[in-house]
Amino acid sequence: MNAAKVSLFVFFALWPFTANLAFKYGLMQVFLVLSALLLAGRAILLLVISGVHARKETLAMSLPGILLILSALLIQDNWAFYYPVLVSITLLATFLLSLKTKPIIQRFAEISIKNQEVSPEIVSYTRKVTILWCFFFALNGAVALYTVWLGDLDVWTLYNGCLSYVAVGALFCGEYFYRKVILHV
């Protein structure tokens, strides 16, 4: 991973904390414009580098990015707090739509086993794990939405900037443990 990718990852991983500070110090408009420009720049670079293969990912980033742009242009700072909700909805839709063709988790499995055929058992398992992630993103989006409606900036920041990442990590590690220790895959 190059420095630009790492920087973008860190920026968006810390986004709820920086949004909190920007809101509290009256810098939300500047922060929203910067966030929107970074998302747009990443999408353009992704399209230039990966071409057609990046269309789905670029579209997936579009909804949250459009929200940030509209929030900045219309001077609606509060709209930005829906960003984590839209990210969860986008991930939910991406994982859910992948069930029609080849589940995302199956794609990850194929990458990890390189040139080996994926057994029907693994296909079935990856489909179930993709469905599990769909439920997770639905729940995560609902909780993120609740934190917006609650109206407490510190609770919003705690959940969307920390607890949701802990939940993602717990699900990821739990599934990995189950797969390696229980299933021996």
Protein backbone atom coordinates (compact mmCIF):
# COMPACT_ATOMS: atom_id res chain seq x y z
CA MET A 1 0.00 0.00 0.00
CA ASN A 2 1.49 3.35 -0.98
CA ALA A 3 1.56 6.49 1.16
CA ALA A 4 -1.43 8.10 -0.60
CA LYS A 5 -3.64 5.06 0.04
CA VAL A 6 -2.54 4.86 3.66
CA SER A 7 -3.19 8.58 4.15
CA LEU A 8 -6.69 8.32 2.67
CA PHE A 9 -7.43 5.24 4.77
CA VAL A 10 -6.31 7.02 7.95
CA PHE A 11 -8.25 10.17 7.05
CA PHE A 12 -11.51 8.30 6.53
CA ALA A 13 -10.94 5.95 9.48
CA LEU A 14 -10.60 9.02 11.70
CA TRP A 15 -13.35 10.89 9.84
CA PRO A 16 -15.92 10.85 12.68
CA PHE A 17 -13.38 12.29 15.14
CA THR A 18 -12.28 15.02 12.75
CA ALA A 19 -15.91 15.77 11.83
CA ASN A 20 -16.65 16.17 15.53
CA LEU A 21 -13.78 18.64 15.98
CA ALA A 22 -14.60 20.52 12.77
CA PHE A 23 -18.22 20.90 13.89
CA LYS A 24 -17.25 22.06 17.39
CA TYR A 25 -14.74 24.62 16.07
CA GLY A 26 -16.87 25.98 13.22
CA LEU A 27 -14.73 24.46 10.46
CA MET A 28 -17.30 22.04 9.12
CA GLN A 29 -17.59 23.63 5.66
CA VAL A 30 -13.83 23.43 5.09
CA PHE A 31 -13.80 19.87 6.38
CA LEU A 32 -16.70 18.83 4.14
CA VAL A 33 -15.11 20.33 1.03
CA LEU A 34 -11.81 18.59 1.84
CA SER A 35 -13.59 15.28 2.44
CA ALA A 36 -15.60 15.56 -0.78
CA LEU A 37 -12.49 16.46 -2.80
CA LEU A 38 -10.59 13.49 -1.36
CA LEU A 39 -13.44 11.10 -2.19
CA ALA A 40 -13.78 12.52 -5.70
CA GLY A 41 -10.02 12.38 -6.24
CA ARG A 42 -9.89 8.78 -5.08
CA ALA A 43 -12.77 7.84 -7.37
CA ILE A 44 -11.12 9.51 -10.38
CA LEU A 45 -7.76 7.87 -9.67
CA LEU A 46 -9.44 4.51 -9.26
CA LEU A 47 -11.18 4.88 -12.60
CA VAL A 48 -7.98 5.98 -14.35
CA ILE A 49 -5.87 3.20 -12.83
CA SER A 50 -8.38 0.34 -12.88
CA GLY A 51 -10.73 1.41 -15.63
CA VAL A 52 -13.87 -0.64 -16.11
CA HIS A 53 -13.10 -2.91 -13.14
CA ALA A 54 -13.43 0.01 -10.73
CA ARG A 55 -16.89 1.16 -11.80
CA LYS A 56 -18.75 -0.69 -9.06
CA GLU A 57 -16.39 0.55 -6.35
CA THR A 58 -16.55 4.08 -7.71
CA LEU A 59 -20.35 3.95 -7.76
CA ALA A 60 -20.30 2.59 -4.22
CA MET A 61 -18.31 5.63 -3.08
CA SER A 62 -20.58 8.04 -4.95
CA LEU A 63 -23.56 8.14 -2.59
CA PRO A 64 -21.58 9.11 0.53
CA GLY A 65 -19.49 11.50 -1.56
CA ILE A 66 -22.57 13.19 -3.03
CA LEU A 67 -23.93 13.63 0.49
CA LEU A 68 -20.73 15.41 1.56
CA ILE A 69 -20.73 17.65 -1.52
CA LEU A 70 -24.40 18.59 -1.03
CA SER A 71 -23.83 19.15 2.66
CA ALA A 72 -21.00 21.57 1.87
CA LEU A 73 -22.74 23.34 -1.04
CA LEU A 74 -26.06 23.78 0.75
CA ILE A 75 -24.37 24.61 4.06
CA GLN A 76 -26.17 21.79 5.83
CA ASP A 77 -23.50 20.63 8.29
CA ASN A 78 -25.85 18.16 9.98
CA TRP A 79 -26.28 16.16 6.77
CA ALA A 80 -22.66 15.07 7.01
CA PHE A 81 -23.44 13.04 10.10
CA TYR A 82 -25.39 10.66 7.88
CA TYR A 83 -22.13 9.74 6.10
CA PRO A 84 -21.54 6.54 8.17
CA VAL A 85 -25.16 5.53 7.56
CA LEU A 86 -24.70 5.83 3.80
CA VAL A 87 -21.40 3.94 3.94
CA SER A 88 -23.19 1.05 5.68
CA ILE A 89 -26.07 1.18 3.19
CA THR A 90 -23.60 1.19 0.30
CA LEU A 91 -21.70 -1.79 1.71
CA LEU A 92 -24.97 -3.61 2.40
CA ALA A 93 -26.12 -3.03 -1.18
CA THR A 94 -22.74 -4.10 -2.59
CA PHE A 95 -22.67 -7.34 -0.59
CA LEU A 96 -26.36 -8.02 -1.21
CA LEU A 97 -26.10 -7.48 -4.97
CA SER A 98 -23.05 -9.74 -5.13
CA LEU A 99 -25.28 -12.62 -4.02
CA LYS A 100 -26.92 -12.51 -7.48
CA THR A 101 -23.68 -13.42 -9.23
CA LYS A 102 -20.65 -14.31 -7.14
CA PRO A 103 -20.65 -13.37 -3.45
CA ILE A 104 -17.90 -10.95 -2.44
CA ILE A 105 -16.55 -13.33 0.20
CA GLN A 106 -16.22 -16.02 -2.49
CA ARG A 107 -14.15 -13.59 -4.56
CA PHE A 108 -11.88 -13.03 -1.56
CA ALA A 109 -11.59 -16.79 -1.08
CA GLU A 110 -10.63 -17.27 -4.73
CA ILE A 111 -7.94 -14.62 -4.44
CA SER A 112 -6.50 -16.27 -1.33
CA ILE A 113 -6.31 -19.79 -2.78
CA LYS A 114 -4.94 -18.73 -6.21
CA ASN A 115 -5.41 -21.03 -9.17
CA GLN A 116 -7.18 -23.68 -7.12
CA GLU A 117 -10.77 -24.56 -7.79
CA VAL A 118 -13.22 -23.48 -5.10
CA SER A 119 -15.15 -26.45 -3.76
CA PRO A 120 -18.96 -26.40 -3.54
CA GLU A 121 -18.64 -26.43 0.27
CA ILE A 122 -16.55 -23.25 0.18
CA VAL A 123 -18.99 -21.64 -2.25
CA SER A 124 -21.85 -22.44 0.13
CA TYR A 125 -19.89 -21.21 3.15
CA THR A 126 -18.83 -17.94 1.48
CA ARG A 127 -22.43 -17.28 0.49
CA LYS A 128 -23.51 -17.67 4.13
CA VAL A 129 -20.69 -15.37 5.30
CA THR A 130 -21.69 -12.76 2.72
CA ILE A 131 -25.26 -12.93 4.07
CA LEU A 132 -23.88 -12.54 7.61
CA TRP A 133 -22.03 -9.39 6.51
CA CYS A 134 -25.28 -8.11 4.97
CA PHE A 135 -27.02 -8.45 8.34
CA PHE A 136 -24.06 -6.76 10.00
CA PHE A 137 -24.14 -3.77 7.64
CA ALA A 138 -27.91 -3.43 8.09
CA LEU A 139 -27.53 -3.42 11.88
CA ASN A 140 -24.50 -1.13 11.76
CA GLY A 141 -26.36 1.33 9.52
CA ALA A 142 -29.38 1.26 11.84
CA VAL A 143 -27.25 2.00 14.89
CA ALA A 144 -25.39 4.75 13.00
CA LEU A 145 -28.77 6.24 12.05
CA TYR A 146 -29.90 6.06 15.66
CA THR A 147 -26.77 7.97 16.77
CA VAL A 148 -27.64 10.73 14.28
CA TRP A 149 -31.23 10.94 15.51
CA LEU A 150 -30.08 10.89 19.11
CA GLY A 151 -28.40 14.23 18.46
CA ASP A 152 -25.46 13.73 20.82
CA LEU A 153 -22.26 14.46 18.87
CA ASP A 154 -20.05 12.61 21.34
CA VAL A 155 -22.20 9.44 21.21
CA TRP A 156 -22.21 9.68 17.40
CA THR A 157 -18.42 10.00 17.38
CA LEU A 158 -17.89 7.16 19.84
CA TYR A 159 -20.03 4.72 17.86
CA ASN A 160 -19.09 5.73 14.32
CA GLY A 161 -15.43 6.43 15.04
CA CYS A 162 -14.68 3.56 17.39
CA LEU A 163 -17.34 1.02 18.30
CA SER A 164 -18.40 0.30 14.71
CA TYR A 165 -14.76 -0.45 13.80
CA VAL A 166 -14.48 -2.72 16.84
CA ALA A 167 -17.64 -4.52 15.67
CA VAL A 168 -16.21 -4.94 12.14
CA GLY A 169 -12.97 -6.29 13.61
CA ALA A 170 -14.83 -8.66 15.96
CA LEU A 171 -16.94 -10.08 13.13
CA PHE A 172 -13.91 -10.42 10.85
CA CYS A 173 -11.77 -12.09 13.54
CA GLY A 174 -14.65 -14.28 14.72
CA GLU A 175 -15.31 -15.53 11.21
CA TYR A 176 -11.57 -16.08 10.63
CA PHE A 177 -11.26 -18.04 13.89
CA TYR A 178 -14.33 -20.14 13.06
CA ARG A 179 -13.04 -20.86 9.56
CA LYS A 180 -9.48 -21.74 10.63
CA VAL A 181 -10.04 -23.47 13.97
CA ILE A 182 -13.48 -25.04 13.63
CA LEU A 183 -13.72 -25.71 9.89
CA HIS A 184 -9.94 -26.09 9.28
CA VAL A 185 -10.23 -24.21 5.99
